[in-house]
PDB file of N, CA and C in Angstrom:
ATOM      1  N   MET A   1       1.031  -1.299   0.165  1.00  0.00           N
ATOM      2  CA  MET A   1      -0.067  -0.121   0.215  1.00  0.00           C
ATOM      3  C   MET A   1       0.330   1.519  -0.156  1.00  0.00           C
ATOM      4  N   VAL A   2       1.731   1.021   0.883  1.00  0.00           N
ATOM      5  CA  VAL A   2       2.859   2.441   0.804  1.00  0.00           C
ATOM      6  C   VAL A   2       3.913   2.767  -0.186  1.00  0.00           C
ATOM      7  N   SER A   3       3.314   2.463  -1.829  1.00  0.00           N
ATOM      8  CA  SER A   3       4.264   2.061  -2.436  1.00  0.00           C
ATOM      9  C   SER A   3       3.338   2.457  -4.215  1.00  0.00           C
ATOM     10  N   LEU A   4       2.382   3.060  -4.049  1.00  0.00           N
ATOM     11  CA  LEU A   4       1.051   3.079  -4.234  1.00  0.00           C
ATOM     12  C   LEU A   4       1.737   4.528  -4.688  1.00  0.00           C
ATOM     13  N   ASP A   5       0.877   4.421  -5.274  1.00  0.00           N
ATOM     14  CA  ASP A   5       0.968   5.998  -6.774  1.00  0.00           C
ATOM     15  C   ASP A   5      -0.128   6.329  -5.389  1.00  0.00           C
ATOM     16  N   HIS A   6       0.139   8.113  -5.534  1.00  0.00           N
ATOM     17  CA  HIS A   6      -0.884   8.036  -3.853  1.00  0.00           C
ATOM     18  C   HIS A   6      -1.886   8.883  -4.872  1.00  0.00           C
ATOM     19  N   LEU A   7      -2.294   9.805  -6.333  1.00  0.00           N
ATOM     20  CA  LEU A   7      -3.682   8.389  -7.124  1.00  0.00           C
ATOM     21  C   LEU A   7      -4.440   7.909  -6.407  1.00  0.00           C
ATOM     22  N   ALA A   8      -3.971   6.939  -7.044  1.00  0.00           N
ATOM     23  CA  ALA A   8      -4.482   5.287  -6.668  1.00  0.00           C
ATOM     24  C   ALA A   8      -4.722   5.009  -4.927  1.00  0.00           C
ATOM     25  N   VAL A   9      -4.162   5.353  -4.225  1.00  0.00           N
ATOM     26  CA  VAL A   9      -4.598   5.496  -2.808  1.00  0.00           C
ATOM     27  C   VAL A   9      -5.981   6.610  -3.140  1.00  0.00           C
ATOM     28  N   TYR A  10      -5.861   7.716  -2.601  1.00  0.00           N
ATOM     29  CA  TYR A  10      -7.009   9.162  -2.753  1.00  0.00           C
ATOM     30  C   TYR A  10      -8.351   7.753  -3.995  1.00  0.00           C
ATOM     31  N   LEU A  11      -7.729   7.684  -4.795  1.00  0.00           N
ATOM     32  CA  LEU A  11      -8.762   6.627  -5.673  1.00  0.00           C
ATOM     33  C   LEU A  11     -10.250   5.906  -4.665  1.00  0.00           C
ATOM     34  N   GLY A  12      -9.289   4.737  -3.999  1.00  0.00           N
ATOM     35  CA  GLY A  12      -9.419   4.029  -3.288  1.00  0.00           C
ATOM     36  C   GLY A  12     -10.073   4.260  -2.177  1.00  0.00           C
ATOM     37  N   LEU A  13      -9.487   4.791  -1.436  1.00  0.00           N
ATOM     38  CA  LEU A  13     -10.652   5.862   0.241  1.00  0.00           C
ATOM     39  C   LEU A  13     -11.896   6.888  -0.620  1.00  0.00           C
ATOM     40  N   SER A  14     -11.156   7.429  -1.221  1.00  0.00           N
ATOM     41  CA  SER A  14     -12.557   8.252  -1.437  1.00  0.00           C
ATOM     42  C   SER A  14     -13.940   6.884  -2.299  1.00  0.00           C
ATOM     43  N   TRP A  15     -13.025   5.930  -3.291  1.00  0.00           N
ATOM     44  CA  TRP A  15     -14.182   4.867  -2.877  1.00  0.00           C
ATOM     45  C   TRP A  15     -14.551   3.861  -1.522  1.00  0.00           C
ATOM     46  N   LEU A  16     -13.798   4.516  -1.544  1.00  0.00           N
ATOM     47  CA  LEU A  16     -13.855   3.402   0.479  1.00  0.00           C
ATOM     48  C   LEU A  16     -15.532   3.363   1.075  1.00  0.00           C
ATOM     49  N   ALA A  17     -14.966   5.749   1.338  1.00  0.00           N
ATOM     50  CA  ALA A  17     -16.258   6.473   1.982  1.00  0.00           C
ATOM     51  C   ALA A  17     -17.207   6.397   1.076  1.00  0.00           C
ATOM     52  N   ILE A  18     -17.298   6.631  -0.287  1.00  0.00           N
ATOM     53  CA  ILE A  18     -18.397   6.295  -1.051  1.00  0.00           C
ATOM     54  C   ILE A  18     -20.009   5.019  -0.657  1.00  0.00           C
ATOM     55  N   GLY A  19     -18.831   3.767  -0.103  1.00  0.00           N
ATOM     56  CA  GLY A  19     -19.601   2.170   0.197  1.00  0.00           C
ATOM     57  C   GLY A  19     -20.026   2.978   1.012  1.00  0.00           C
ATOM     58  N   VAL A  20     -19.785   3.138   2.682  1.00  0.00           N
ATOM     59  CA  VAL A  20     -19.770   3.876   3.210  1.00  0.00           C
ATOM     60  C   VAL A  20     -20.492   4.359   3.039  1.00  0.00           C
ATOM     61  N   LEU A  21     -20.905   5.652   2.831  1.00  0.00           N
ATOM     62  CA  LEU A  21     -21.935   6.263   3.137  1.00  0.00           C
ATOM     63  C   LEU A  21     -23.052   5.688   2.611  1.00  0.00           C
ATOM     64  N   TYR A  22     -22.887   5.172   1.414  1.00  0.00           N
ATOM     65  CA  TYR A  22     -23.848   4.410   0.567  1.00  0.00           C
ATOM     66  C   TYR A  22     -24.606   3.601   1.677  1.00  0.00           C
ATOM     67  N   LEU A  23     -23.872   2.637   1.987  1.00  0.00           N
ATOM     68  CA  LEU A  23     -24.523   1.756   3.998  1.00  0.00           C
ATOM     69  C   LEU A  23     -25.175   2.332   4.413  1.00  0.00           C
ATOM     70  N   ALA A  24     -24.303   3.479   5.072  1.00  0.00           N
ATOM     71  CA  ALA A  24     -25.623   4.157   6.235  1.00  0.00           C
ATOM     72  C   ALA A  24     -26.396   4.955   5.294  1.00  0.00           C
ATOM     73  N   VAL A  25     -27.112   5.308   4.817  1.00  0.00           N
ATOM     74  CA  VAL A  25     -28.289   5.661   3.778  1.00  0.00           C
ATOM     75  C   VAL A  25     -29.688   4.392   3.578  1.00  0.00           C
ATOM     76  N   LEU A  26     -29.031   2.928   3.483  1.00  0.00           N
ATOM     77  CA  LEU A  26     -29.443   2.322   3.166  1.00  0.00           C
ATOM     78  C   LEU A  26     -30.088   1.834   4.742  1.00  0.00           C
ATOM     79  N   THR A  27     -29.286   1.793   5.471  1.00  0.00           N
ATOM     80  CA  THR A  27     -29.455   1.502   6.612  1.00  0.00           C
ATOM     81  C   THR A  27     -30.253   2.630   7.847  1.00  0.00           C
ATOM     82  N   GLY A  28     -30.523   3.398   7.229  1.00  0.00           N
ATOM     83  CA  GLY A  28     -31.277   4.645   7.912  1.00  0.00           C
ATOM     84  C   GLY A  28     -30.351   5.068   9.335  1.00  0.00           C
ATOM     85  N   GLY A  29     -29.035   5.059   8.557  1.00  0.00           N
ATOM     86  CA  GLY A  29     -27.879   5.789   9.701  1.00  0.00           C
ATOM     87  C   GLY A  29     -27.206   4.267  10.928  1.00  0.00           C
ATOM     88  N   PHE A  30     -27.392   2.875  10.185  1.00  0.00           N
ATOM     89  CA  PHE A  30     -26.632   1.895  10.875  1.00  0.00           C
ATOM     90  C   PHE A  30     -27.632   1.699  12.087  1.00  0.00           C
ATOM     91  N   ARG A  31     -29.157   1.634  11.560  1.00  0.00           N
ATOM     92  CA  ARG A  31     -29.741   1.763  12.776  1.00  0.00           C
ATOM     93  C   ARG A  31     -31.274   0.035  12.865  1.00  0.00           C
ATOM     94  N   ARG A  32     -30.943  -0.442  11.049  1.00  0.00           N
ATOM     95  CA  ARG A  32     -31.337  -1.385  10.909  1.00  0.00           C
ATOM     96  C   ARG A  32     -30.511  -2.435  10.701  1.00  0.00           C
ATOM     97  N   GLN A  33     -29.714  -3.506  10.156  1.00  0.00           N
ATOM     98  CA  GLN A  33     -29.726  -4.639   9.940  1.00  0.00           C
ATOM     99  C   GLN A  33     -29.782  -4.518   7.762  1.00  0.00           C
ATOM    100  N   PRO A  34     -28.698  -4.488   7.439  1.00  0.00           N
ATOM    101  CA  PRO A  34     -28.617  -4.321   6.096  1.00  0.00           C
ATOM    102  C   PRO A  34     -29.477  -5.042   5.045  1.00  0.00           C
ATOM    103  N   PRO A  35     -30.010  -4.632   4.102  1.00  0.00           N
ATOM    104  CA  PRO A  35     -30.474  -5.852   3.268  1.00  0.00           C
ATOM    105  C   PRO A  35     -28.933  -7.055   2.785  1.00  0.00           C
ATOM    106  N   GLU A  36     -30.328  -8.097   3.000  1.00  0.00           N
ATOM    107  CA  GLU A  36     -29.904  -9.420   2.348  1.00  0.00           C
ATOM    108  C   GLU A  36     -28.730  -9.831   1.301  1.00  0.00           C
ATOM    109  N   MET A  37     -28.049  -9.874  -0.053  1.00  0.00           N
ATOM    110  CA  MET A  37     -28.255 -10.939  -0.889  1.00  0.00           C
ATOM    111  C   MET A  37     -29.261 -12.279  -1.365  1.00  0.00           C
ATOM    112  N   ASP A  38     -29.133 -12.927  -2.056  1.00  0.00           N
ATOM    113  CA  ASP A  38     -30.440 -14.002  -2.934  1.00  0.00           C
ATOM    114  C   ASP A  38     -28.819 -14.651  -3.894  1.00  0.00           C
ATOM    115  N   PHE A  39     -28.596 -15.170  -3.071  1.00  0.00           N
ATOM    116  CA  PHE A  39     -27.671 -16.448  -3.743  1.00  0.00           C
ATOM    117  C   PHE A  39     -28.724 -17.135  -5.297  1.00  0.00           C
ATOM    118  N   GLN A  40     -29.417 -17.696  -4.943  1.00  0.00           N
ATOM    119  CA  GLN A  40     -30.461 -18.686  -5.488  1.00  0.00           C
ATOM    120  C   GLN A  40     -30.823 -18.326  -6.882  1.00  0.00           C
ATOM    121  N   GLU A  41     -30.482 -19.114  -7.843  1.00  0.00           N
ATOM    122  CA  GLU A  41     -31.316 -18.872  -8.829  1.00  0.00           C
ATOM    123  C   GLU A  41     -32.637 -19.229  -9.451  1.00  0.00           C
ATOM    124  N   ALA A  42     -32.937 -18.074 -10.241  1.00  0.00           N
ATOM    125  CA  ALA A  42     -34.063 -17.974 -10.473  1.00  0.00           C
ATOM    126  C   ALA A  42     -34.080 -18.511 -12.261  1.00  0.00           C
ATOM    127  N   THR A  43     -35.100 -19.881 -11.347  1.00  0.00           N
ATOM    128  CA  THR A  43     -35.072 -20.807 -12.826  1.00  0.00           C
ATOM    129  C   THR A  43     -36.875 -21.273 -13.124  1.00  0.00           C
TER     130      THR A  43
END
């Protein structure tokens, strides 16, 4: 991680922050459980 370009680190941290914010919106400020994925195939 230390040897990565500064732009790559900033982009990765930004992407992580966007994901955390999105999860906070989905869960109502982390008060509800996050939605679960259904891996069953539709047949």
